[in-house]
Amino acid sequence: MKRKIKNLFYSILIDGVGMLTYLIPGWGEIGDIIWSPISTALIYKLYDNLPLAIIGGIEEASPGGDFIPTATIAWINQYLIK
């Protein structure tokens, strides 16, 4: 149970950092390019799910895709659907 809650916290944090890149004008897309591989690696490390990790990386690198909480969706897939 502790791991489940900890992973939810990390997932929300990963998604939040991805969304924060838009707070600094002009740096949004640059921040996304930097954050995309980091987010991908973190999602994979947390959930050992390569397809979702790749989707998360693509979502972070795509213009305007930051509103999709991919890490949290991975958590839902791991703990609520499986």
PDB file of N, CA and C in Angstrom:
ATOM      1  N   MET A   1       0.819  -1.200   0.000  1.00  0.00           N
ATOM      2  CA  MET A   1       0.000   0.000   0.000  1.00  0.00           C
ATOM      3  C   MET A   1       0.866   1.268   0.000  1.00  0.00           C
ATOM      4  N   LYS A   2       1.959   1.221   0.768  1.00  0.00           N
ATOM      5  CA  LYS A   2       2.854   2.379   0.835  1.00  0.00           C
ATOM      6  C   LYS A   2       3.452   2.692  -0.536  1.00  0.00           C
ATOM      7  N   ARG A   3       3.866   1.643  -1.245  1.00  0.00           N
ATOM      8  CA  ARG A   3       4.454   1.816  -2.571  1.00  0.00           C
ATOM      9  C   ARG A   3       3.433   2.413  -3.542  1.00  0.00           C
ATOM     10  N   LYS A   4       2.205   1.986  -3.424  1.00  0.00           N
ATOM     11  CA  LYS A   4       1.133   2.480  -4.286  1.00  0.00           C
ATOM     12  C   LYS A   4       0.961   3.994  -4.129  1.00  0.00           C
ATOM     13  N   ILE A   5       0.931   4.459  -2.914  1.00  0.00           N
ATOM     14  CA  ILE A   5       0.763   5.894  -2.633  1.00  0.00           C
ATOM     15  C   ILE A   5       2.010   6.668  -3.052  1.00  0.00           C
ATOM     16  N   LYS A   6       3.180   6.091  -2.779  1.00  0.00           N
ATOM     17  CA  LYS A   6       4.437   6.743  -3.168  1.00  0.00           C
ATOM     18  C   LYS A   6       4.504   6.896  -4.690  1.00  0.00           C
ATOM     19  N   ASN A   7       4.124   5.872  -5.422  1.00  0.00           N
ATOM     20  CA  ASN A   7       4.137   5.954  -6.881  1.00  0.00           C
ATOM     21  C   ASN A   7       3.115   6.960  -7.402  1.00  0.00           C
ATOM     22  N   LEU A   8       1.984   7.082  -6.731  1.00  0.00           N
ATOM     23  CA  LEU A   8       1.010   8.106  -7.122  1.00  0.00           C
ATOM     24  C   LEU A   8       1.610   9.496  -6.938  1.00  0.00           C
ATOM     25  N   PHE A   9       2.269   9.714  -5.829  1.00  0.00           N
ATOM     26  CA  PHE A   9       2.921  10.997  -5.578  1.00  0.00           C
ATOM     27  C   PHE A   9       3.954  11.299  -6.664  1.00  0.00           C
ATOM     28  N   TYR A  10       4.804  10.315  -6.974  1.00  0.00           N
ATOM     29  CA  TYR A  10       5.826  10.514  -8.006  1.00  0.00           C
ATOM     30  C   TYR A  10       5.193  10.777  -9.370  1.00  0.00           C
ATOM     31  N   SER A  11       4.108  10.086  -9.666  1.00  0.00           N
ATOM     32  CA  SER A  11       3.425  10.279 -10.953  1.00  0.00           C
ATOM     33  C   SER A  11       2.876  11.686 -11.080  1.00  0.00           C
ATOM     34  N   ILE A  12       2.239  12.162 -10.032  1.00  0.00           N
ATOM     35  CA  ILE A  12       1.695  13.525 -10.043  1.00  0.00           C
ATOM     36  C   ILE A  12       2.842  14.534 -10.161  1.00  0.00           C
ATOM     37  N   LEU A  13       3.948  14.249  -9.504  1.00  0.00           N
ATOM     38  CA  LEU A  13       5.118  15.129  -9.577  1.00  0.00           C
ATOM     39  C   LEU A  13       5.687  15.162 -10.999  1.00  0.00           C
ATOM     40  N   ILE A  14       5.810  14.006 -11.633  1.00  0.00           N
ATOM     41  CA  ILE A  14       6.309  13.931 -13.012  1.00  0.00           C
ATOM     42  C   ILE A  14       5.409  14.741 -13.938  1.00  0.00           C
ATOM     43  N   ASP A  15       4.089  14.542 -13.811  1.00  0.00           N
ATOM     44  CA  ASP A  15       3.148  15.287 -14.654  1.00  0.00           C
ATOM     45  C   ASP A  15       3.198  16.785 -14.346  1.00  0.00           C
ATOM     46  N   GLY A  16       3.343  17.128 -13.084  1.00  0.00           N
ATOM     47  CA  GLY A  16       3.399  18.533 -12.685  1.00  0.00           C
ATOM     48  C   GLY A  16       4.621  19.245 -13.244  1.00  0.00           C
ATOM     49  N   VAL A  17       5.767  18.589 -13.183  1.00  0.00           N
ATOM     50  CA  VAL A  17       6.986  19.197 -13.738  1.00  0.00           C
ATOM     51  C   VAL A  17       6.808  19.425 -15.234  1.00  0.00           C
ATOM     52  N   GLY A  18       6.199  18.465 -15.914  1.00  0.00           N
ATOM     53  CA  GLY A  18       5.954  18.622 -17.347  1.00  0.00           C
ATOM     54  C   GLY A  18       5.069  19.816 -17.652  1.00  0.00           C
ATOM     55  N   MET A  19       4.105  20.061 -16.789  1.00  0.00           N
ATOM     56  CA  MET A  19       3.199  21.201 -16.993  1.00  0.00           C
ATOM     57  C   MET A  19       3.855  22.526 -16.603  1.00  0.00           C
ATOM     58  N   LEU A  20       4.811  22.492 -15.707  1.00  0.00           N
ATOM     59  CA  LEU A  20       5.474  23.723 -15.248  1.00  0.00           C
ATOM     60  C   LEU A  20       6.273  24.419 -16.335  1.00  0.00           C
ATOM     61  N   THR A  21       6.654  23.693 -17.370  1.00  0.00           N
ATOM     62  CA  THR A  21       7.475  24.306 -18.416  1.00  0.00           C
ATOM     63  C   THR A  21       6.751  25.459 -19.102  1.00  0.00           C
ATOM     64  N   TYR A  22       5.435  25.486 -19.021  1.00  0.00           N
ATOM     65  CA  TYR A  22       4.690  26.561 -19.661  1.00  0.00           C
ATOM     66  C   TYR A  22       4.621  27.828 -18.803  1.00  0.00           C
ATOM     67  N   LEU A  23       5.088  27.781 -17.582  1.00  0.00           N
ATOM     68  CA  LEU A  23       5.053  28.969 -16.727  1.00  0.00           C
ATOM     69  C   LEU A  23       6.120  29.994 -17.108  1.00  0.00           C
ATOM     70  N   ILE A  24       7.166  29.546 -17.765  1.00  0.00           N
ATOM     71  CA  ILE A  24       8.249  30.447 -18.166  1.00  0.00           C
ATOM     72  C   ILE A  24       8.086  30.754 -19.653  1.00  0.00           C
ATOM     73  N   PRO A  25       7.647  31.956 -19.978  1.00  0.00           N
ATOM     74  CA  PRO A  25       7.414  32.296 -21.388  1.00  0.00           C
ATOM     75  C   PRO A  25       8.664  32.076 -22.247  1.00  0.00           C
ATOM     76  N   GLY A  26       8.453  31.454 -23.392  1.00  0.00           N
ATOM     77  CA  GLY A  26       9.542  31.209 -24.318  1.00  0.00           C
ATOM     78  C   GLY A  26      10.356  29.965 -24.027  1.00  0.00           C
ATOM     79  N   TRP A  27      10.218  29.407 -22.853  1.00  0.00           N
ATOM     80  CA  TRP A  27      10.992  28.229 -22.474  1.00  0.00           C
ATOM     81  C   TRP A  27      10.174  26.947 -22.511  1.00  0.00           C
ATOM     82  N   GLY A  28       8.896  27.052 -22.796  1.00  0.00           N
ATOM     83  CA  GLY A  28       8.011  25.890 -22.763  1.00  0.00           C
ATOM     84  C   GLY A  28       8.492  24.734 -23.607  1.00  0.00           C
ATOM     85  N   GLU A  29       8.743  24.990 -24.867  1.00  0.00           N
ATOM     86  CA  GLU A  29       9.138  23.904 -25.764  1.00  0.00           C
ATOM     87  C   GLU A  29      10.563  23.423 -25.483  1.00  0.00           C
ATOM     88  N   ILE A  30      11.451  24.335 -25.112  1.00  0.00           N
ATOM     89  CA  ILE A  30      12.817  23.927 -24.765  1.00  0.00           C
ATOM     90  C   ILE A  30      12.789  23.046 -23.521  1.00  0.00           C
ATOM     91  N   GLY A  31      12.013  23.458 -22.537  1.00  0.00           N
ATOM     92  CA  GLY A  31      11.865  22.659 -21.320  1.00  0.00           C
ATOM     93  C   GLY A  31      11.282  21.291 -21.609  1.00  0.00           C
ATOM     94  N   ASP A  32      10.333  21.240 -22.543  1.00  0.00           N
ATOM     95  CA  ASP A  32       9.726  19.958 -22.906  1.00  0.00           C
ATOM     96  C   ASP A  32      10.738  19.022 -23.548  1.00  0.00           C
ATOM     97  N   ILE A  33      11.591  19.556 -24.400  1.00  0.00           N
ATOM     98  CA  ILE A  33      12.613  18.727 -25.055  1.00  0.00           C
ATOM     99  C   ILE A  33      13.578  18.158 -24.016  1.00  0.00           C
ATOM    100  N   ILE A  34      13.900  18.953 -23.017  1.00  0.00           N
ATOM    101  CA  ILE A  34      14.793  18.488 -21.950  1.00  0.00           C
ATOM    102  C   ILE A  34      14.071  17.485 -21.048  1.00  0.00           C
ATOM    103  N   TRP A  35      12.819  17.770 -20.703  1.00  0.00           N
ATOM    104  CA  TRP A  35      12.073  16.948 -19.756  1.00  0.00           C
ATOM    105  C   TRP A  35      11.574  15.634 -20.370  1.00  0.00           C
ATOM    106  N   SER A  36      11.353  15.608 -21.657  1.00  0.00           N
ATOM    107  CA  SER A  36      10.777  14.437 -22.316  1.00  0.00           C
ATOM    108  C   SER A  36      11.541  13.133 -22.039  1.00  0.00           C
ATOM    109  N   PRO A  37      12.853  13.064 -22.270  1.00  0.00           N
ATOM    110  CA  PRO A  37      13.546  11.795 -21.991  1.00  0.00           C
ATOM    111  C   PRO A  37      13.621  11.464 -20.499  1.00  0.00           C
ATOM    112  N   ILE A  38      13.668  12.493 -19.675  1.00  0.00           N
ATOM    113  CA  ILE A  38      13.690  12.266 -18.227  1.00  0.00           C
ATOM    114  C   ILE A  38      12.361  11.664 -17.788  1.00  0.00           C
ATOM    115  N   SER A  39      11.270  12.250 -18.257  1.00  0.00           N
ATOM    116  CA  SER A  39       9.931  11.752 -17.943  1.00  0.00           C
ATOM    117  C   SER A  39       9.757  10.313 -18.428  1.00  0.00           C
ATOM    118  N   THR A  40      10.226  10.047 -19.636  1.00  0.00           N
ATOM    119  CA  THR A  40      10.137   8.692 -20.194  1.00  0.00           C
ATOM    120  C   THR A  40      10.856   7.690 -19.292  1.00  0.00           C
ATOM    121  N   ALA A  41      12.069   8.025 -18.887  1.00  0.00           N
ATOM    122  CA  ALA A  41      12.852   7.126 -18.034  1.00  0.00           C
ATOM    123  C   ALA A  41      12.184   6.916 -16.674  1.00  0.00           C
ATOM    124  N   LEU A  42      11.653   7.988 -16.109  1.00  0.00           N
ATOM    125  CA  LEU A  42      11.010   7.873 -14.798  1.00  0.00           C
ATOM    126  C   LEU A  42       9.744   7.018 -14.856  1.00  0.00           C
ATOM    127  N   ILE A  43       8.932   7.224 -15.876  1.00  0.00           N
ATOM    128  CA  ILE A  43       7.715   6.413 -16.017  1.00  0.00           C
ATOM    129  C   ILE A  43       8.090   4.940 -16.197  1.00  0.00           C
ATOM    130  N   TYR A  44       9.107   4.687 -17.016  1.00  0.00           N
ATOM    131  CA  TYR A  44       9.530   3.301 -17.209  1.00  0.00           C
ATOM    132  C   TYR A  44      10.055   2.694 -15.910  1.00  0.00           C
ATOM    133  N   LYS A  45      10.842   3.460 -15.178  1.00  0.00           N
ATOM    134  CA  LYS A  45      11.400   2.965 -13.912  1.00  0.00           C
ATOM    135  C   LYS A  45      10.292   2.669 -12.898  1.00  0.00           C
ATOM    136  N   LEU A  46       9.285   3.511 -12.841  1.00  0.00           N
ATOM    137  CA  LEU A  46       8.196   3.308 -11.878  1.00  0.00           C
ATOM    138  C   LEU A  46       7.298   2.137 -12.243  1.00  0.00           C
ATOM    139  N   TYR A  47       6.996   1.972 -13.523  1.00  0.00           N
ATOM    140  CA  TYR A  47       5.944   1.029 -13.915  1.00  0.00           C
ATOM    141  C   TYR A  47       6.409  -0.094 -14.840  1.00  0.00           C
ATOM    142  N   ASP A  48       7.680  -0.084 -15.258  1.00  0.00           N
ATOM    143  CA  ASP A  48       8.213  -1.123 -16.132  1.00  0.00           C
ATOM    144  C   ASP A  48       7.286  -1.375 -17.321  1.00  0.00           C
ATOM    145  N   ASN A  49       6.801  -0.286 -17.895  1.00  0.00           N
ATOM    146  CA  ASN A  49       5.849  -0.361 -19.007  1.00  0.00           C
ATOM    147  C   ASN A  49       6.399   0.519 -20.138  1.00  0.00           C
ATOM    148  N   LEU A  50       7.118  -0.111 -21.054  1.00  0.00           N
ATOM    149  CA  LEU A  50       7.773   0.636 -22.121  1.00  0.00           C
ATOM    150  C   LEU A  50       6.791   1.380 -23.028  1.00  0.00           C
ATOM    151  N   PRO A  51       5.675   0.763 -23.451  1.00  0.00           N
ATOM    152  CA  PRO A  51       4.745   1.516 -24.314  1.00  0.00           C
ATOM    153  C   PRO A  51       4.218   2.796 -23.656  1.00  0.00           C
ATOM    154  N   LEU A  52       3.828   2.716 -22.387  1.00  0.00           N
ATOM    155  CA  LEU A  52       3.347   3.926 -21.713  1.00  0.00           C
ATOM    156  C   LEU A  52       4.464   4.940 -21.518  1.00  0.00           C
ATOM    157  N   ALA A  53       5.662   4.475 -21.250  1.00  0.00           N
ATOM    158  CA  ALA A  53       6.799   5.392 -21.092  1.00  0.00           C
ATOM    159  C   ALA A  53       7.079   6.127 -22.401  1.00  0.00           C
ATOM    160  N   ILE A  54       7.035   5.400 -23.516  1.00  0.00           N
ATOM    161  CA  ILE A  54       7.263   6.029 -24.822  1.00  0.00           C
ATOM    162  C   ILE A  54       6.152   7.023 -25.143  1.00  0.00           C
ATOM    163  N   ILE A  55       4.920   6.650 -24.852  1.00  0.00           N
ATOM    164  CA  ILE A  55       3.795   7.575 -25.064  1.00  0.00           C
ATOM    165  C   ILE A  55       4.002   8.832 -24.222  1.00  0.00           C
ATOM    166  N   GLY A  56       4.459   8.661 -22.984  1.00  0.00           N
ATOM    167  CA  GLY A  56       4.742   9.811 -22.128  1.00  0.00           C
ATOM    168  C   GLY A  56       5.812  10.712 -22.709  1.00  0.00           C
ATOM    169  N   GLY A  57       6.851  10.125 -23.269  1.00  0.00           N
ATOM    170  CA  GLY A  57       7.914  10.915 -23.887  1.00  0.00           C
ATOM    171  C   GLY A  57       7.435  11.674 -25.105  1.00  0.00           C
ATOM    172  N   ILE A  58       6.640  11.014 -25.923  1.00  0.00           N
ATOM    173  CA  ILE A  58       6.084  11.673 -27.110  1.00  0.00           C
ATOM    174  C   ILE A  58       5.148  12.801 -26.696  1.00  0.00           C
ATOM    175  N   GLU A  59       4.338  12.540 -25.693  1.00  0.00           N
ATOM    176  CA  GLU A  59       3.394  13.559 -25.201  1.00  0.00           C
ATOM    177  C   GLU A  59       4.140  14.778 -24.673  1.00  0.00           C
ATOM    178  N   GLU A  60       5.212  14.564 -23.943  1.00  0.00           N
ATOM    179  CA  GLU A  60       5.987  15.685 -23.409  1.00  0.00           C
ATOM    180  C   GLU A  60       6.669  16.480 -24.516  1.00  0.00           C
ATOM    181  N   ALA A  61       7.138  15.799 -25.539  1.00  0.00           N
ATOM    182  CA  ALA A  61       7.854  16.472 -26.624  1.00  0.00           C
ATOM    183  C   ALA A  61       6.909  17.151 -27.610  1.00  0.00           C
ATOM    184  N   SER A  62       5.648  16.751 -27.607  1.00  0.00           N
ATOM    185  CA  SER A  62       4.677  17.319 -28.551  1.00  0.00           C
ATOM    186  C   SER A  62       4.203  18.684 -28.079  1.00  0.00           C
ATOM    187  N   PRO A  63       4.105  19.642 -28.992  1.00  0.00           N
ATOM    188  CA  PRO A  63       3.595  20.962 -28.614  1.00  0.00           C
ATOM    189  C   PRO A  63       2.155  20.864 -28.110  1.00  0.00           C
ATOM    190  N   GLY A  64       1.923  21.408 -26.939  1.00  0.00           N
ATOM    191  CA  GLY A  64       0.573  21.451 -26.370  1.00  0.00           C
ATOM    192  C   GLY A  64       0.107  20.163 -25.733  1.00  0.00           C
ATOM    193  N   GLY A  65       0.953  19.152 -25.641  1.00  0.00           N
ATOM    194  CA  GLY A  65       0.529  17.877 -25.081  1.00  0.00           C
ATOM    195  C   GLY A  65       0.706  17.755 -23.581  1.00  0.00           C
ATOM    196  N   ASP A  66       1.226  18.786 -22.957  1.00  0.00           N
ATOM    197  CA  ASP A  66       1.550  18.704 -21.528  1.00  0.00           C
ATOM    198  C   ASP A  66       0.338  18.537 -20.606  1.00  0.00           C
ATOM    199  N   PHE A  67      -0.828  18.829 -21.094  1.00  0.00           N
ATOM    200  CA  PHE A  67      -1.994  18.738 -20.218  1.00  0.00           C
ATOM    201  C   PHE A  67      -2.413  17.288 -19.971  1.00  0.00           C
ATOM    202  N   ILE A  68      -1.866  16.347 -20.734  1.00  0.00           N
ATOM    203  CA  ILE A  68      -2.204  14.927 -20.563  1.00  0.00           C
ATOM    204  C   ILE A  68      -1.338  14.353 -19.434  1.00  0.00           C
ATOM    205  N   PRO A  69      -1.941  13.869 -18.367  1.00  0.00           N
ATOM    206  CA  PRO A  69      -1.166  13.354 -17.232  1.00  0.00           C
ATOM    207  C   PRO A  69      -0.745  11.893 -17.443  1.00  0.00           C
ATOM    208  N   THR A  70       0.211  11.662 -18.316  1.00  0.00           N
ATOM    209  CA  THR A  70       0.587  10.311 -18.716  1.00  0.00           C
ATOM    210  C   THR A  70       1.104   9.470 -17.552  1.00  0.00           C
ATOM    211  N   ALA A  71       1.907  10.035 -16.676  1.00  0.00           N
ATOM    212  CA  ALA A  71       2.430   9.266 -15.543  1.00  0.00           C
ATOM    213  C   ALA A  71       1.291   8.842 -14.615  1.00  0.00           C
ATOM    214  N   THR A  72       0.324   9.717 -14.415  1.00  0.00           N
ATOM    215  CA  THR A  72      -0.827   9.370 -13.573  1.00  0.00           C
ATOM    216  C   THR A  72      -1.692   8.318 -14.263  1.00  0.00           C
ATOM    217  N   ILE A  73      -1.801   8.399 -15.567  1.00  0.00           N
ATOM    218  CA  ILE A  73      -2.528   7.364 -16.314  1.00  0.00           C
ATOM    219  C   ILE A  73      -1.798   6.024 -16.168  1.00  0.00           C
ATOM    220  N   ALA A  74      -0.477   6.041 -16.176  1.00  0.00           N
ATOM    221  CA  ALA A  74       0.302   4.818 -15.966  1.00  0.00           C
ATOM    222  C   ALA A  74       0.021   4.246 -14.577  1.00  0.00           C
ATOM    223  N   TRP A  75      -0.099   5.123 -13.575  1.00  0.00           N
ATOM    224  CA  TRP A  75      -0.420   4.675 -12.212  1.00  0.00           C
ATOM    225  C   TRP A  75      -1.797   4.019 -12.185  1.00  0.00           C
ATOM    226  N   ILE A  76      -2.769   4.644 -12.838  1.00  0.00           N
ATOM    227  CA  ILE A  76      -4.125   4.076 -12.893  1.00  0.00           C
ATOM    228  C   ILE A  76      -4.081   2.713 -13.573  1.00  0.00           C
ATOM    229  N   ASN A  77      -3.326   2.621 -14.656  1.00  0.00           N
ATOM    230  CA  ASN A  77      -3.194   1.348 -15.364  1.00  0.00           C
ATOM    231  C   ASN A  77      -2.567   0.285 -14.458  1.00  0.00           C
ATOM    232  N   GLN A  78      -1.561   0.668 -13.697  1.00  0.00           N
ATOM    233  CA  GLN A  78      -0.835  -0.280 -12.847  1.00  0.00           C
ATOM    234  C   GLN A  78      -1.669  -0.737 -11.649  1.00  0.00           C
ATOM    235  N   TYR A  79      -2.360   0.181 -11.001  1.00  0.00           N
ATOM    236  CA  TYR A  79      -2.978  -0.147  -9.714  1.00  0.00           C
ATOM    237  C   TYR A  79      -4.503  -0.270  -9.747  1.00  0.00           C
ATOM    238  N   LEU A  80      -5.148   0.312 -10.715  1.00  0.00           N
ATOM    239  CA  LEU A  80      -6.615   0.251 -10.722  1.00  0.00           C
ATOM    240  C   LEU A  80      -7.191  -0.640 -11.819  1.00  0.00           C
ATOM    241  N   ILE A  81      -6.471  -0.761 -12.930  1.00  0.00           N
ATOM    242  CA  ILE A  81      -7.008  -1.550 -14.041  1.00  0.00           C
ATOM    243  C   ILE A  81      -6.496  -2.980 -14.004  1.00  0.00           C
ATOM    244  N   LYS A  82      -5.219  -3.163 -13.719  1.00  0.00           N
ATOM    245  CA  LYS A  82      -4.645  -4.525 -13.724  1.00  0.00           C
ATOM    246  C   LYS A  82      -5.139  -5.345 -12.564  1.00  0.00           C
TER     247      LYS A  82
END
